[in-house]
Amino acid sequence: MNVQAIDKFHKSRLGYLVFGLVELGLALLVMNKAIDNGNLLLWTLVLILLVGFLQNFGRMVVYKK
């Protein structure tokens, strides 16, 4: 797969769902590490991943072809 194919997939309803779930999973994994460690940088990464999840989920909900 090239970058254009991934971008085309990401802009579909299924792509928004997949990328959103991947970001949510990564956020949960990093959050688990941040709780144990207490590192502010890890908490910042968790917030960034959660914002990405919310953006993808919102785009999936209001998706128009």
N, C-alpha and C. Protein backbone atom coordinates (compact mmCIF):
# COMPACT_ATOMS: atom_id res chain seq x y z
N MET A 1 0.83 -1.20 0.00
CA MET A 1 0.00 0.00 0.00
C MET A 1 0.87 1.25 0.00
N ASN A 2 0.47 2.20 -0.78
CA ASN A 2 1.18 3.46 -0.77
C ASN A 2 0.42 4.49 0.06
N VAL A 3 0.98 5.65 0.19
CA VAL A 3 0.42 6.69 1.05
C VAL A 3 -0.94 7.15 0.53
N GLN A 4 -1.10 7.23 -0.77
CA GLN A 4 -2.36 7.70 -1.35
C GLN A 4 -3.49 6.70 -1.08
N ALA A 5 -3.19 5.42 -1.13
CA ALA A 5 -4.21 4.40 -0.84
C ALA A 5 -4.62 4.44 0.63
N ILE A 6 -3.65 4.64 1.51
CA ILE A 6 -3.96 4.74 2.94
C ILE A 6 -4.79 5.99 3.20
N ASP A 7 -4.45 7.10 2.55
CA ASP A 7 -5.21 8.34 2.72
C ASP A 7 -6.64 8.18 2.22
N LYS A 8 -6.80 7.50 1.09
CA LYS A 8 -8.14 7.26 0.55
C LYS A 8 -8.96 6.38 1.50
N PHE A 9 -8.33 5.36 2.06
CA PHE A 9 -9.01 4.49 3.02
C PHE A 9 -9.37 5.26 4.29
N HIS A 10 -8.47 6.11 4.75
CA HIS A 10 -8.71 6.87 5.99
C HIS A 10 -9.90 7.81 5.84
N LYS A 11 -10.16 8.28 4.64
CA LYS A 11 -11.26 9.23 4.43
C LYS A 11 -12.60 8.54 4.17
N SER A 12 -12.66 7.23 4.42
CA SER A 12 -13.94 6.51 4.32
C SER A 12 -14.49 6.29 5.72
N ARG A 13 -15.75 5.90 5.79
CA ARG A 13 -16.38 5.67 7.10
C ARG A 13 -15.67 4.55 7.85
N LEU A 14 -15.34 3.48 7.16
CA LEU A 14 -14.62 2.37 7.79
C LEU A 14 -13.22 2.79 8.22
N GLY A 15 -12.57 3.62 7.42
CA GLY A 15 -11.24 4.11 7.76
C GLY A 15 -11.25 4.96 9.01
N TYR A 16 -12.26 5.83 9.13
CA TYR A 16 -12.37 6.63 10.35
C TYR A 16 -12.57 5.74 11.57
N LEU A 17 -13.36 4.69 11.41
CA LEU A 17 -13.60 3.77 12.53
C LEU A 17 -12.31 3.04 12.91
N VAL A 18 -11.60 2.51 11.93
CA VAL A 18 -10.37 1.75 12.20
C VAL A 18 -9.31 2.64 12.83
N PHE A 19 -9.07 3.80 12.25
CA PHE A 19 -8.05 4.69 12.79
C PHE A 19 -8.44 5.19 14.18
N GLY A 20 -9.73 5.45 14.39
CA GLY A 20 -10.19 5.88 15.70
C GLY A 20 -10.00 4.80 16.75
N LEU A 21 -10.31 3.55 16.41
CA LEU A 21 -10.13 2.46 17.37
C LEU A 21 -8.66 2.19 17.66
N VAL A 22 -7.81 2.35 16.66
CA VAL A 22 -6.37 2.19 16.88
C VAL A 22 -5.87 3.27 17.83
N GLU A 23 -6.32 4.51 17.61
CA GLU A 23 -5.91 5.60 18.51
C GLU A 23 -6.44 5.40 19.92
N LEU A 24 -7.66 4.90 20.04
CA LEU A 24 -8.21 4.63 21.36
C LEU A 24 -7.43 3.54 22.07
N GLY A 25 -7.08 2.49 21.34
CA GLY A 25 -6.29 1.41 21.93
C GLY A 25 -4.92 1.89 22.38
N LEU A 26 -4.28 2.70 21.54
CA LEU A 26 -2.98 3.25 21.92
C LEU A 26 -3.11 4.17 23.13
N ALA A 27 -4.18 4.95 23.17
CA ALA A 27 -4.39 5.84 24.32
C ALA A 27 -4.56 5.04 25.60
N LEU A 28 -5.28 3.93 25.54
CA LEU A 28 -5.46 3.11 26.74
C LEU A 28 -4.15 2.47 27.18
N LEU A 29 -3.35 2.02 26.23
CA LEU A 29 -2.05 1.44 26.58
C LEU A 29 -1.12 2.47 27.21
N VAL A 30 -1.06 3.65 26.61
CA VAL A 30 -0.20 4.70 27.13
C VAL A 30 -0.73 5.19 28.48
N MET A 31 -2.06 5.25 28.64
CA MET A 31 -2.64 5.68 29.90
C MET A 31 -2.28 4.70 31.02
N ASN A 32 -2.28 3.41 30.70
CA ASN A 32 -1.89 2.41 31.69
C ASN A 32 -0.45 2.63 32.14
N LYS A 33 0.42 2.93 31.20
CA LYS A 33 1.81 3.22 31.53
C LYS A 33 1.93 4.54 32.30
N ALA A 34 1.13 5.54 31.92
CA ALA A 34 1.19 6.85 32.58
C ALA A 34 0.70 6.78 34.02
N ILE A 35 -0.29 5.93 34.28
CA ILE A 35 -0.78 5.77 35.65
C ILE A 35 0.31 5.18 36.53
N ASP A 36 1.02 4.19 36.01
CA ASP A 36 2.09 3.57 36.78
C ASP A 36 3.28 4.50 36.97
N ASN A 37 3.59 5.26 35.92
CA ASN A 37 4.80 6.07 35.91
C ASN A 37 4.55 7.49 36.44
N GLY A 38 3.41 8.09 36.11
CA GLY A 38 3.13 9.45 36.53
C GLY A 38 3.85 10.50 35.70
N ASN A 39 4.32 10.15 34.54
CA ASN A 39 5.06 11.05 33.67
C ASN A 39 4.10 11.99 32.95
N LEU A 40 4.36 13.30 33.03
CA LEU A 40 3.50 14.28 32.39
C LEU A 40 3.53 14.17 30.87
N LEU A 41 4.65 13.78 30.31
CA LEU A 41 4.76 13.61 28.87
C LEU A 41 3.84 12.49 28.39
N LEU A 42 3.73 11.41 29.14
CA LEU A 42 2.84 10.32 28.77
C LEU A 42 1.38 10.75 28.85
N TRP A 43 1.03 11.55 29.86
CA TRP A 43 -0.33 12.05 29.97
C TRP A 43 -0.67 12.97 28.80
N THR A 44 0.31 13.76 28.35
CA THR A 44 0.10 14.62 27.18
C THR A 44 -0.16 13.78 25.95
N LEU A 45 0.59 12.70 25.79
CA LEU A 45 0.39 11.80 24.65
C LEU A 45 -0.99 11.16 24.71
N VAL A 46 -1.45 10.80 25.90
CA VAL A 46 -2.80 10.24 26.06
C VAL A 46 -3.84 11.25 25.59
N LEU A 47 -3.70 12.50 25.98
CA LEU A 47 -4.66 13.53 25.55
C LEU A 47 -4.65 13.73 24.04
N ILE A 48 -3.47 13.71 23.44
CA ILE A 48 -3.37 13.86 21.99
C ILE A 48 -4.05 12.70 21.28
N LEU A 49 -3.83 11.48 21.76
CA LEU A 49 -4.47 10.31 21.16
C LEU A 49 -5.98 10.33 21.34
N LEU A 50 -6.45 10.79 22.49
CA LEU A 50 -7.90 10.87 22.71
C LEU A 50 -8.55 11.92 21.82
N VAL A 51 -7.87 13.04 21.60
CA VAL A 51 -8.40 14.05 20.68
C VAL A 51 -8.46 13.49 19.27
N GLY A 52 -7.45 12.75 18.85
CA GLY A 52 -7.47 12.11 17.54
C GLY A 52 -8.61 11.11 17.41
N PHE A 53 -8.85 10.34 18.48
CA PHE A 53 -9.97 9.40 18.47
C PHE A 53 -11.29 10.14 18.31
N LEU A 54 -11.46 11.22 19.07
CA LEU A 54 -12.71 11.97 19.00
C LEU A 54 -12.91 12.61 17.62
N GLN A 55 -11.83 13.07 17.01
CA GLN A 55 -11.94 13.64 15.66
C GLN A 55 -12.37 12.58 14.66
N ASN A 56 -11.73 11.42 14.71
CA ASN A 56 -12.10 10.35 13.77
C ASN A 56 -13.52 9.86 14.02
N PHE A 57 -13.91 9.73 15.28
CA PHE A 57 -15.26 9.28 15.59
C PHE A 57 -16.29 10.32 15.13
N GLY A 58 -16.00 11.58 15.35
CA GLY A 58 -16.92 12.64 14.89
C GLY A 58 -17.04 12.66 13.38
N ARG A 59 -15.95 12.49 12.69
CA ARG A 59 -15.99 12.47 11.21
C ARG A 59 -16.74 11.24 10.72
N MET A 60 -16.63 10.12 11.44
CA MET A 60 -17.35 8.92 11.04
C MET A 60 -18.86 9.12 11.20
N VAL A 61 -19.27 9.79 12.27
CA VAL A 61 -20.69 9.99 12.54
C VAL A 61 -21.32 10.92 11.50
N VAL A 62 -20.63 11.99 11.13
CA VAL A 62 -21.19 12.96 10.20
C VAL A 62 -20.68 12.76 8.78
N TYR A 63 -20.20 11.57 8.46
CA TYR A 63 -19.62 11.26 7.15
C TYR A 63 -20.67 11.44 6.05
N LYS A 64 -20.29 12.16 5.00
CA LYS A 64 -21.13 12.31 3.81
C LYS A 64 -20.31 11.93 2.61
N LYS A 65 -20.86 11.13 1.76
CA LYS A 65 -20.11 10.71 0.58
C LYS A 65 -20.37 11.63 -0.57
